[in-house]
């Protein structure tokens, strides 16, 4: 995580950071896991570890799959959690990527094992990624909230304390356990329009990547994601145009969103977006 300073001014900018996303309840539209997969690809991450699926998964809930492998033989792939390591091209910072399926059991042991791996890799900051279904219009920027339990972390990255109370998923448990162990822990959540919840959700994936870019101070190559997001929005526009009730509902969501966002049209918000544009332009990564 990076404070609002120039690169190199804060040692936290050089420390390894962990990004984690999990398929299942925490991953509406597969937005979070696809953000992690995108980083894995563009940063050429290499897998360094994985958790034993026997310890954490009910295979009647998350079944293994069978397919013909590169060798021509049939192979079984088990649901598990994999840990990969990448090097951010600009800063040279180590980024640990954790991609898994929400476990069926032993959540505390699961989190403890992941955090032990993270600490052995020098991680001091943990960023968990999630996506939830929300009353958000597909025609507006996808909201991404950032929450943290530690007031110092809140101030460092501009996060808010979480006010949610109720059932939680592995994202919430991992964030809490990381904070309990003295790690800087932040959770990012993208709000996926509930009326287009079926994956993929490239616009929500883009929104998460933009927030990660801010936190790490590292431009992220986006490849075809902007085109995919534009095509996704165009497709939803066409579906809404065919149903007057949906079109009216989307219009109501747009009005509510625009009213709520009026305070955000501030000098600080505009300055942050301009800084992001300059950072991306200077590195020639494209939009």
C-alpha atoms as a PDB file:
ATOM      1  CA  UNK A   1       0.000   0.000   0.000  1.00  0.00           C
ATOM      2  CA  UNK A   2       1.166   3.467  -0.718  1.00  0.00           C
ATOM      3  CA  UNK A   3       0.586   6.751   1.039  1.00  0.00           C
ATOM      4  CA  UNK A   4      -0.125   9.860  -1.013  1.00  0.00           C
ATOM      5  CA  UNK A   5       3.581  10.538  -1.520  1.00  0.00           C
ATOM      6  CA  UNK A   6       6.197  10.275  -4.226  1.00  0.00           C
ATOM      7  CA  UNK A   7       7.636   6.799  -4.875  1.00  0.00           C
ATOM      8  CA  UNK A   8      10.364   5.864  -2.444  1.00  0.00           C
ATOM      9  CA  UNK A   9       9.294   8.198   0.348  1.00  0.00           C
ATOM     10  CA  UNK A  10       7.610   5.484   2.411  1.00  0.00           C
ATOM     11  CA  UNK A  11       9.090   2.081   3.095  1.00  0.00           C
ATOM     12  CA  UNK A  12       5.605   0.521   2.826  1.00  0.00           C
ATOM     13  CA  UNK A  13       5.868   1.160  -0.921  1.00  0.00           C
ATOM     14  CA  UNK A  14       8.749  -1.329  -1.140  1.00  0.00           C
ATOM     15  CA  UNK A  15       7.374  -4.077   1.089  1.00  0.00           C
ATOM     16  CA  UNK A  16       5.744  -7.158  -0.488  1.00  0.00           C
ATOM     17  CA  UNK A  17       1.960  -6.952  -0.581  1.00  0.00           C
ATOM     18  CA  UNK A  18      -0.617  -9.731  -0.824  1.00  0.00           C
ATOM     19  CA  UNK A  19      -3.744  -9.580  -3.000  1.00  0.00           C
ATOM     20  CA  UNK A  20      -6.387 -12.254  -2.450  1.00  0.00           C
ATOM     21  CA  UNK A  21      -9.669 -13.142  -4.155  1.00  0.00           C
ATOM     22  CA  UNK A  22     -11.932 -16.156  -3.770  1.00  0.00           C
ATOM     23  CA  UNK A  23     -14.545 -17.726  -5.998  1.00  0.00           C
ATOM     24  CA  UNK A  24     -18.006 -18.124  -4.528  1.00  0.00           C
ATOM     25  CA  UNK A  25     -20.073 -15.984  -2.181  1.00  0.00           C
ATOM     26  CA  UNK A  26     -17.571 -13.098  -2.171  1.00  0.00           C
ATOM     27  CA  UNK A  27     -17.272 -12.843  -5.958  1.00  0.00           C
ATOM     28  CA  UNK A  28     -20.369 -11.441  -7.696  1.00  0.00           C
ATOM     29  CA  UNK A  29     -19.975 -11.524 -11.461  1.00  0.00           C
ATOM     30  CA  UNK A  30     -16.545 -13.161 -10.918  1.00  0.00           C
ATOM     31  CA  UNK A  31     -15.246  -9.574 -10.820  1.00  0.00           C
ATOM     32  CA  UNK A  32     -12.714 -10.078  -8.001  1.00  0.00           C
ATOM     33  CA  UNK A  33     -11.168 -13.335  -9.188  1.00  0.00           C
ATOM     34  CA  UNK A  34     -10.949 -12.030 -12.757  1.00  0.00           C
ATOM     35  CA  UNK A  35      -9.064  -8.967 -11.497  1.00  0.00           C
ATOM     36  CA  UNK A  36      -6.592 -11.299  -9.815  1.00  0.00           C
ATOM     37  CA  UNK A  37      -6.301 -13.485 -12.931  1.00  0.00           C
ATOM     38  CA  UNK A  38      -5.614 -10.370 -14.995  1.00  0.00           C
ATOM     39  CA  UNK A  39      -2.763  -9.349 -12.686  1.00  0.00           C
ATOM     40  CA  UNK A  40      -1.401 -12.891 -12.787  1.00  0.00           C
ATOM     41  CA  UNK A  41      -1.239 -12.693 -16.584  1.00  0.00           C
ATOM     42  CA  UNK A  42       0.053  -9.156 -17.163  1.00  0.00           C
ATOM     43  CA  UNK A  43       2.677  -9.423 -14.410  1.00  0.00           C
ATOM     44  CA  UNK A  44       3.727 -12.969 -15.405  1.00  0.00           C
ATOM     45  CA  UNK A  45       3.234 -14.365 -11.901  1.00  0.00           C
ATOM     46  CA  UNK A  46       4.778 -17.711 -10.992  1.00  0.00           C
ATOM     47  CA  UNK A  47       3.048 -20.187  -8.703  1.00  0.00           C
ATOM     48  CA  UNK A  48       5.048 -20.887  -5.544  1.00  0.00           C
ATOM     49  CA  UNK A  49       2.669 -22.780  -3.263  1.00  0.00           C
ATOM     50  CA  UNK A  50      -0.792 -24.266  -2.893  1.00  0.00           C
ATOM     51  CA  UNK A  51      -2.956 -25.481  -0.033  1.00  0.00           C
ATOM     52  CA  UNK A  52      -3.994 -29.109   0.387  1.00  0.00           C
ATOM     53  CA  UNK A  53      -7.638 -29.231  -0.772  1.00  0.00           C
ATOM     54  CA  UNK A  54      -8.352 -32.268   1.441  1.00  0.00           C
ATOM     55  CA  UNK A  55      -8.077 -29.994   4.466  1.00  0.00           C
ATOM     56  CA  UNK A  56     -10.549 -27.329   3.421  1.00  0.00           C
ATOM     57  CA  UNK A  57     -13.007 -28.452   0.744  1.00  0.00           C
ATOM     58  CA  UNK A  58     -16.114 -30.619   0.599  1.00  0.00           C
ATOM     59  CA  UNK A  59     -15.723 -32.193  -2.827  1.00  0.00           C
ATOM     60  CA  UNK A  60     -19.477 -32.705  -3.114  1.00  0.00           C
ATOM     61  CA  UNK A  61     -19.806 -28.908  -2.950  1.00  0.00           C
ATOM     62  CA  UNK A  62     -16.761 -28.035  -5.061  1.00  0.00           C
ATOM     63  CA  UNK A  63     -16.157 -31.057  -7.251  1.00  0.00           C
ATOM     64  CA  UNK A  64     -12.859 -31.875  -8.924  1.00  0.00           C
ATOM     65  CA  UNK A  65     -12.845 -31.782 -12.722  1.00  0.00           C
ATOM     66  CA  UNK A  66     -11.425 -34.263 -15.188  1.00  0.00           C
ATOM     67  CA  UNK A  67     -10.022 -33.434 -18.623  1.00  0.00           C
ATOM     68  CA  UNK A  68      -7.406 -34.538 -21.122  1.00  0.00           C
ATOM     69  CA  UNK A  69      -4.104 -32.825 -20.315  1.00  0.00           C
ATOM     70  CA  UNK A  70      -1.258 -31.683 -22.552  1.00  0.00           C
ATOM     71  CA  UNK A  71       0.272 -35.146 -22.309  1.00  0.00           C
ATOM     72  CA  UNK A  72      -2.847 -36.727 -23.803  1.00  0.00           C
ATOM     73  CA  UNK A  73      -3.715 -38.424 -20.520  1.00  0.00           C
ATOM     74  CA  UNK A  74      -6.812 -37.732 -18.466  1.00  0.00           C
ATOM     75  CA  UNK A  75      -6.023 -35.562 -15.455  1.00  0.00           C
ATOM     76  CA  UNK A  76      -8.002 -34.533 -12.376  1.00  0.00           C
ATOM     77  CA  UNK A  77      -7.860 -30.928 -11.189  1.00  0.00           C
ATOM     78  CA  UNK A  78      -8.759 -30.451  -7.540  1.00  0.00           C
ATOM     79  CA  UNK A  79     -10.340 -27.288  -6.125  1.00  0.00           C
ATOM     80  CA  UNK A  80      -7.640 -25.569  -4.158  1.00  0.00           C
ATOM     81  CA  UNK A  81      -6.001 -22.259  -3.281  1.00  0.00           C
ATOM     82  CA  UNK A  82      -2.861 -21.289  -5.171  1.00  0.00           C
ATOM     83  CA  UNK A  83      -0.225 -18.737  -4.226  1.00  0.00           C
ATOM     84  CA  UNK A  84       1.768 -16.984  -6.947  1.00  0.00           C
ATOM     85  CA  UNK A  85       4.421 -14.286  -6.878  1.00  0.00           C
ATOM     86  CA  UNK A  86       4.870 -11.436  -9.347  1.00  0.00           C
ATOM     87  CA  UNK A  87       7.176  -8.437  -9.562  1.00  0.00           C
ATOM     88  CA  UNK A  88       5.511  -5.088 -10.278  1.00  0.00           C
ATOM     89  CA  UNK A  89       7.382  -3.741 -13.347  1.00  0.00           C
ATOM     90  CA  UNK A  90       7.667  -0.081 -12.291  1.00  0.00           C
ATOM     91  CA  UNK A  91       8.526  -0.343  -8.610  1.00  0.00           C
ATOM     92  CA  UNK A  92      10.050  -3.819  -8.550  1.00  0.00           C
ATOM     93  CA  UNK A  93       7.794  -4.571  -5.615  1.00  0.00           C
ATOM     94  CA  UNK A  94       6.900  -8.191  -4.872  1.00  0.00           C
ATOM     95  CA  UNK A  95       3.162  -8.871  -5.179  1.00  0.00           C
ATOM     96  CA  UNK A  96       1.785 -12.136  -3.797  1.00  0.00           C
ATOM     97  CA  UNK A  97      -1.415 -13.295  -5.518  1.00  0.00           C
ATOM     98  CA  UNK A  98      -3.755 -15.684  -3.692  1.00  0.00           C
ATOM     99  CA  UNK A  99      -6.527 -17.198  -5.820  1.00  0.00           C
ATOM    100  CA  UNK A 100      -8.829 -19.776  -4.312  1.00  0.00           C
ATOM    101  CA  UNK A 101     -12.335 -21.070  -3.807  1.00  0.00           C
ATOM    102  CA  UNK A 102     -14.066 -20.169  -0.572  1.00  0.00           C
ATOM    103  CA  UNK A 103     -13.330 -23.168   1.672  1.00  0.00           C
ATOM    104  CA  UNK A 104     -16.041 -25.412   3.052  1.00  0.00           C
ATOM    105  CA  UNK A 105     -14.421 -25.931   6.465  1.00  0.00           C
ATOM    106  CA  UNK A 106     -11.605 -25.010   8.858  1.00  0.00           C
ATOM    107  CA  UNK A 107     -11.600 -21.324   7.964  1.00  0.00           C
ATOM    108  CA  UNK A 108      -9.332 -20.282  10.844  1.00  0.00           C
ATOM    109  CA  UNK A 109      -6.710 -22.885   9.958  1.00  0.00           C
ATOM    110  CA  UNK A 110      -7.051 -21.910   6.298  1.00  0.00           C
ATOM    111  CA  UNK A 111      -6.387 -18.242   7.066  1.00  0.00           C
ATOM    112  CA  UNK A 112      -3.534 -19.095   9.412  1.00  0.00           C
ATOM    113  CA  UNK A 113      -1.826 -21.187   6.709  1.00  0.00           C
ATOM    114  CA  UNK A 114      -2.211 -18.454   4.102  1.00  0.00           C
ATOM    115  CA  UNK A 115      -0.878 -15.800   6.450  1.00  0.00           C
ATOM    116  CA  UNK A 116       2.087 -17.985   7.413  1.00  0.00           C
ATOM    117  CA  UNK A 117       2.966 -18.295   3.724  1.00  0.00           C
ATOM    118  CA  UNK A 118       2.542 -14.536   3.315  1.00  0.00           C
ATOM    119  CA  UNK A 119       4.813 -13.713   6.246  1.00  0.00           C
ATOM    120  CA  UNK A 120       7.493 -16.073   4.942  1.00  0.00           C
ATOM    121  CA  UNK A 121       7.407 -14.054   1.723  1.00  0.00           C
ATOM    122  CA  UNK A 122       7.878 -10.811   3.662  1.00  0.00           C
ATOM    123  CA  UNK A 123       4.294  -9.564   3.330  1.00  0.00           C
ATOM    124  CA  UNK A 124       3.222  -6.766   5.671  1.00  0.00           C
ATOM    125  CA  UNK A 125       0.104  -5.579   3.809  1.00  0.00           C
ATOM    126  CA  UNK A 126      -2.933  -7.626   2.787  1.00  0.00           C
ATOM    127  CA  UNK A 127      -5.535  -6.453   0.274  1.00  0.00           C
ATOM    128  CA  UNK A 128      -8.589  -8.674  -0.098  1.00  0.00           C
ATOM    129  CA  UNK A 129     -10.833  -8.308  -3.138  1.00  0.00           C
ATOM    130  CA  UNK A 130     -14.564  -8.917  -3.237  1.00  0.00           C
ATOM    131  CA  UNK A 131     -17.627  -8.134  -5.297  1.00  0.00           C
ATOM    132  CA  UNK A 132     -21.210  -7.883  -4.130  1.00  0.00           C
ATOM    133  CA  UNK A 133     -24.600  -7.436  -5.769  1.00  0.00           C
ATOM    134  CA  UNK A 134     -25.956  -3.926  -5.330  1.00  0.00           C
ATOM    135  CA  UNK A 135     -28.539  -1.403  -6.528  1.00  0.00           C
ATOM    136  CA  UNK A 136     -26.011   0.138  -8.889  1.00  0.00           C
ATOM    137  CA  UNK A 137     -26.781   1.255 -12.469  1.00  0.00           C
ATOM    138  CA  UNK A 138     -24.631  -0.369 -15.146  1.00  0.00           C
ATOM    139  CA  UNK A 139     -24.373   2.980 -16.964  1.00  0.00           C
ATOM    140  CA  UNK A 140     -22.358   4.678 -14.214  1.00  0.00           C
ATOM    141  CA  UNK A 141     -18.866   3.984 -12.862  1.00  0.00           C
ATOM    142  CA  UNK A 142     -18.848   0.872 -10.700  1.00  0.00           C
ATOM    143  CA  UNK A 143     -18.420   1.897  -7.039  1.00  0.00           C
ATOM    144  CA  UNK A 144     -15.509   0.339  -5.160  1.00  0.00           C
ATOM    145  CA  UNK A 145     -15.442   0.701  -1.394  1.00  0.00           C
ATOM    146  CA  UNK A 146     -12.326   0.310   0.749  1.00  0.00           C
ATOM    147  CA  UNK A 147     -12.583  -0.707   4.401  1.00  0.00           C
ATOM    148  CA  UNK A 148     -10.073  -1.330   7.168  1.00  0.00           C
ATOM    149  CA  UNK A 149     -10.306  -2.017  10.901  1.00  0.00           C
ATOM    150  CA  UNK A 150      -7.135  -0.159  11.910  1.00  0.00           C
ATOM    151  CA  UNK A 151      -7.552   3.661  12.097  1.00  0.00           C
ATOM    152  CA  UNK A 152      -3.944   4.127  10.976  1.00  0.00           C
ATOM    153  CA  UNK A 153      -4.568   2.022   7.875  1.00  0.00           C
ATOM    154  CA  UNK A 154      -7.778   3.941   7.223  1.00  0.00           C
ATOM    155  CA  UNK A 155      -5.837   7.197   7.240  1.00  0.00           C
ATOM    156  CA  UNK A 156      -2.989   5.758   5.166  1.00  0.00           C
ATOM    157  CA  UNK A 157      -5.103   4.588   2.217  1.00  0.00           C
ATOM    158  CA  UNK A 158      -8.320   6.572   2.570  1.00  0.00           C
ATOM    159  CA  UNK A 159     -10.390   3.584   3.730  1.00  0.00           C
ATOM    160  CA  UNK A 160     -13.501   3.638   5.898  1.00  0.00           C
ATOM    161  CA  UNK A 161     -14.349   1.504   8.923  1.00  0.00           C
ATOM    162  CA  UNK A 162     -16.728  -1.266   7.935  1.00  0.00           C
ATOM    163  CA  UNK A 163     -20.249  -0.824   9.305  1.00  0.00           C
ATOM    164  CA  UNK A 164     -21.526  -4.167   8.009  1.00  0.00           C
ATOM    165  CA  UNK A 165     -22.979  -6.613  10.532  1.00  0.00           C
ATOM    166  CA  UNK A 166     -24.174 -10.071   9.569  1.00  0.00           C
ATOM    167  CA  UNK A 167     -22.942 -13.254   7.877  1.00  0.00           C
ATOM    168  CA  UNK A 168     -19.473 -12.936   6.413  1.00  0.00           C
ATOM    169  CA  UNK A 169     -17.360 -14.803   3.883  1.00  0.00           C
ATOM    170  CA  UNK A 170     -13.754 -15.871   3.737  1.00  0.00           C
ATOM    171  CA  UNK A 171     -12.755 -12.372   2.545  1.00  0.00           C
ATOM    172  CA  UNK A 172     -14.022 -10.843   5.782  1.00  0.00           C
ATOM    173  CA  UNK A 173     -12.413 -13.548   7.923  1.00  0.00           C
ATOM    174  CA  UNK A 174      -9.022 -13.276   6.206  1.00  0.00           C
ATOM    175  CA  UNK A 175      -9.013  -9.490   6.518  1.00  0.00           C
ATOM    176  CA  UNK A 176      -9.866  -9.736  10.221  1.00  0.00           C
ATOM    177  CA  UNK A 177      -7.233 -12.410  10.917  1.00  0.00           C
ATOM    178  CA  UNK A 178      -4.577 -10.412   9.064  1.00  0.00           C
ATOM    179  CA  UNK A 179      -5.346  -7.347  11.173  1.00  0.00           C
ATOM    180  CA  UNK A 180      -5.277  -9.453  14.352  1.00  0.00           C
ATOM    181  CA  UNK A 181      -1.764 -10.591  13.425  1.00  0.00           C
ATOM    182  CA  UNK A 182      -0.564  -7.008  13.050  1.00  0.00           C
ATOM    183  CA  UNK A 183      -0.634  -6.820   9.266  1.00  0.00           C
ATOM    184  CA  UNK A 184      -2.020  -3.802   7.412  1.00  0.00           C
ATOM    185  CA  UNK A 185      -5.320  -5.123   6.044  1.00  0.00           C
ATOM    186  CA  UNK A 186      -7.658  -3.481   3.548  1.00  0.00           C
ATOM    187  CA  UNK A 187     -10.701  -4.918   1.806  1.00  0.00           C
ATOM    188  CA  UNK A 188     -11.899  -3.667  -1.600  1.00  0.00           C
ATOM    189  CA  UNK A 189     -15.460  -4.383  -2.727  1.00  0.00           C
ATOM    190  CA  UNK A 190     -16.935  -3.688  -6.157  1.00  0.00           C
ATOM    191  CA  UNK A 191     -20.694  -3.144  -6.411  1.00  0.00           C
ATOM    192  CA  UNK A 192     -22.007  -5.251  -9.305  1.00  0.00           C
ATOM    193  CA  UNK A 193     -25.477  -4.301 -10.671  1.00  0.00           C
ATOM    194  CA  UNK A 194     -27.732  -7.035  -9.342  1.00  0.00           C
ATOM    195  CA  UNK A 195     -29.840  -7.215 -12.506  1.00  0.00           C
ATOM    196  CA  UNK A 196     -26.771  -8.269 -14.540  1.00  0.00           C
ATOM    197  CA  UNK A 197     -25.106 -10.516 -11.991  1.00  0.00           C
ATOM    198  CA  UNK A 198     -24.078 -13.316 -14.345  1.00  0.00           C
ATOM    199  CA  UNK A 199     -20.327 -13.390 -15.004  1.00  0.00           C
ATOM    200  CA  UNK A 200     -18.273 -11.975 -16.498  1.00  0.00           C
ATOM    201  CA  UNK A 201     -18.508  -8.412 -15.214  1.00  0.00           C
ATOM    202  CA  UNK A 202     -15.552  -6.677 -16.913  1.00  0.00           C
ATOM    203  CA  UNK A 203     -16.624  -3.194 -15.865  1.00  0.00           C
ATOM    204  CA  UNK A 204     -16.461  -4.199 -12.193  1.00  0.00           C
ATOM    205  CA  UNK A 205     -13.129  -5.922 -12.781  1.00  0.00           C
ATOM    206  CA  UNK A 206     -11.783  -2.690 -14.289  1.00  0.00           C
ATOM    207  CA  UNK A 207     -13.003  -0.717 -11.280  1.00  0.00           C
ATOM    208  CA  UNK A 208     -11.163  -3.031  -8.882  1.00  0.00           C
ATOM    209  CA  UNK A 209      -7.974  -2.810 -10.948  1.00  0.00           C
ATOM    210  CA  UNK A 210      -8.168   0.987 -10.902  1.00  0.00           C
ATOM    211  CA  UNK A 211      -8.362   0.975  -7.102  1.00  0.00           C
ATOM    212  CA  UNK A 212      -5.487  -1.503  -6.846  1.00  0.00           C
ATOM    213  CA  UNK A 213      -3.469   0.763  -9.112  1.00  0.00           C
ATOM    214  CA  UNK A 214      -4.092   3.652  -6.717  1.00  0.00           C
ATOM    215  CA  UNK A 215      -3.117   1.653  -3.643  1.00  0.00           C
ATOM    216  CA  UNK A 216       0.065   0.238  -5.159  1.00  0.00           C
ATOM    217  CA  UNK A 217       1.023   3.327  -7.174  1.00  0.00           C
ATOM    218  CA  UNK A 218       1.704   0.941 -10.048  1.00  0.00           C
ATOM    219  CA  UNK A 219       0.168   1.332 -13.535  1.00  0.00           C
ATOM    220  CA  UNK A 220      -1.601  -1.856 -14.631  1.00  0.00           C
ATOM    221  CA  UNK A 221      -1.760  -2.769 -18.326  1.00  0.00           C
ATOM    222  CA  UNK A 222      -5.437  -3.282 -19.144  1.00  0.00           C
ATOM    223  CA  UNK A 223      -5.246  -5.027 -22.500  1.00  0.00           C
ATOM    224  CA  UNK A 224      -8.695  -5.747 -23.925  1.00  0.00           C
ATOM    225  CA  UNK A 225     -10.569  -5.141 -20.669  1.00  0.00           C
ATOM    226  CA  UNK A 226     -11.782  -1.612 -21.597  1.00  0.00           C
ATOM    227  CA  UNK A 227     -13.208  -2.947 -24.872  1.00  0.00           C
ATOM    228  CA  UNK A 228     -14.812  -5.860 -23.034  1.00  0.00           C
ATOM    229  CA  UNK A 229     -16.362  -3.458 -20.520  1.00  0.00           C
ATOM    230  CA  UNK A 230     -17.723  -1.238 -23.301  1.00  0.00           C
ATOM    231  CA  UNK A 231     -19.200  -4.266 -25.094  1.00  0.00           C
ATOM    232  CA  UNK A 232     -20.713  -5.504 -21.824  1.00  0.00           C
ATOM    233  CA  UNK A 233     -22.374  -2.134 -21.174  1.00  0.00           C
ATOM    234  CA  UNK A 234     -23.657  -1.938 -24.764  1.00  0.00           C
ATOM    235  CA  UNK A 235     -25.159  -5.410 -24.410  1.00  0.00           C
ATOM    236  CA  UNK A 236     -26.935  -4.485 -21.181  1.00  0.00           C
ATOM    237  CA  UNK A 237     -28.160  -1.247 -22.802  1.00  0.00           C
ATOM    238  CA  UNK A 238     -29.784  -3.299 -25.554  1.00  0.00           C
ATOM    239  CA  UNK A 239     -31.426  -5.656 -23.072  1.00  0.00           C
ATOM    240  CA  UNK A 240     -32.796  -2.739 -21.044  1.00  0.00           C
ATOM    241  CA  UNK A 241     -34.129  -1.069 -24.195  1.00  0.00           C
ATOM    242  CA  UNK A 242     -36.236  -4.154 -24.908  1.00  0.00           C
ATOM    243  CA  UNK A 243     -38.026  -3.998 -21.538  1.00  0.00           C
ATOM    244  CA  UNK A 244     -39.684  -0.745 -20.459  1.00  0.00           C
ATOM    245  CA  UNK A 245     -39.842  -1.794 -16.793  1.00  0.00           C
ATOM    246  CA  UNK A 246     -36.102  -2.506 -16.663  1.00  0.00           C
ATOM    247  CA  UNK A 247     -35.366   0.725 -18.504  1.00  0.00           C
ATOM    248  CA  UNK A 248     -37.394   2.702 -15.969  1.00  0.00           C
ATOM    249  CA  UNK A 249     -35.705   0.895 -13.080  1.00  0.00           C
ATOM    250  CA  UNK A 250     -32.261   1.696 -14.486  1.00  0.00           C
ATOM    251  CA  UNK A 251     -33.297   5.342 -14.865  1.00  0.00           C
ATOM    252  CA  UNK A 252     -34.316   5.445 -11.178  1.00  0.00           C
ATOM    253  CA  UNK A 253     -30.972   3.938 -10.170  1.00  0.00           C
ATOM    254  CA  UNK A 254     -29.155   6.529 -12.305  1.00  0.00           C
ATOM    255  CA  UNK A 255     -30.981   9.411 -10.620  1.00  0.00           C
ATOM    256  CA  UNK A 256     -30.243   8.033  -7.143  1.00  0.00           C
ATOM    257  CA  UNK A 257     -26.589   7.439  -8.001  1.00  0.00           C
ATOM    258  CA  UNK A 258     -26.097  10.891  -9.545  1.00  0.00           C
ATOM    259  CA  UNK A 259     -27.624  12.572  -6.517  1.00  0.00           C
ATOM    260  CA  UNK A 260     -25.458  10.602  -4.116  1.00  0.00           C
ATOM    261  CA  UNK A 261     -22.299  11.299  -6.125  1.00  0.00           C
ATOM    262  CA  UNK A 262     -22.667  15.079  -6.266  1.00  0.00           C
ATOM    263  CA  UNK A 263     -20.350  15.617  -3.265  1.00  0.00           C
ATOM    264  CA  UNK A 264     -17.692  13.496  -5.022  1.00  0.00           C
ATOM    265  CA  UNK A 265     -17.327  16.050  -7.820  1.00  0.00           C
ATOM    266  CA  UNK A 266     -14.736  17.837  -5.709  1.00  0.00           C
ATOM    267  CA  UNK A 267     -11.302  19.223  -6.472  1.00  0.00           C
ATOM    268  CA  UNK A 268      -9.656  16.335  -4.597  1.00  0.00           C
ATOM    269  CA  UNK A 269     -11.535  13.703  -6.620  1.00  0.00           C
ATOM    270  CA  UNK A 270     -10.668  15.396  -9.897  1.00  0.00           C
ATOM    271  CA  UNK A 271      -7.025  15.751  -8.859  1.00  0.00           C
ATOM    272  CA  UNK A 272      -6.779  12.028  -8.013  1.00  0.00           C
ATOM    273  CA  UNK A 273      -8.148  11.060 -11.397  1.00  0.00           C
ATOM    274  CA  UNK A 274      -5.768  13.460 -13.174  1.00  0.00           C
ATOM    275  CA  UNK A 275      -2.785  12.038 -11.286  1.00  0.00           C
ATOM    276  CA  UNK A 276      -3.819   8.553 -12.326  1.00  0.00           C
ATOM    277  CA  UNK A 277      -4.045   9.682 -15.951  1.00  0.00           C
ATOM    278  CA  UNK A 278      -0.571  11.241 -15.844  1.00  0.00           C
ATOM    279  CA  UNK A 279       0.972   8.146 -14.228  1.00  0.00           C
ATOM    280  CA  UNK A 280      -0.530   5.899 -16.901  1.00  0.00           C
ATOM    281  CA  UNK A 281       0.463   8.260 -19.755  1.00  0.00           C
ATOM    282  CA  UNK A 282       4.041   8.536 -18.541  1.00  0.00           C
ATOM    283  CA  UNK A 283       4.389   4.768 -18.511  1.00  0.00           C
ATOM    284  CA  UNK A 284       2.682   4.335 -21.877  1.00  0.00           C
ATOM    285  CA  UNK A 285       0.403   1.562 -20.612  1.00  0.00           C
ATOM    286  CA  UNK A 286      -2.733   2.839 -22.318  1.00  0.00           C
ATOM    287  CA  UNK A 287      -6.184   3.274 -20.865  1.00  0.00           C
END
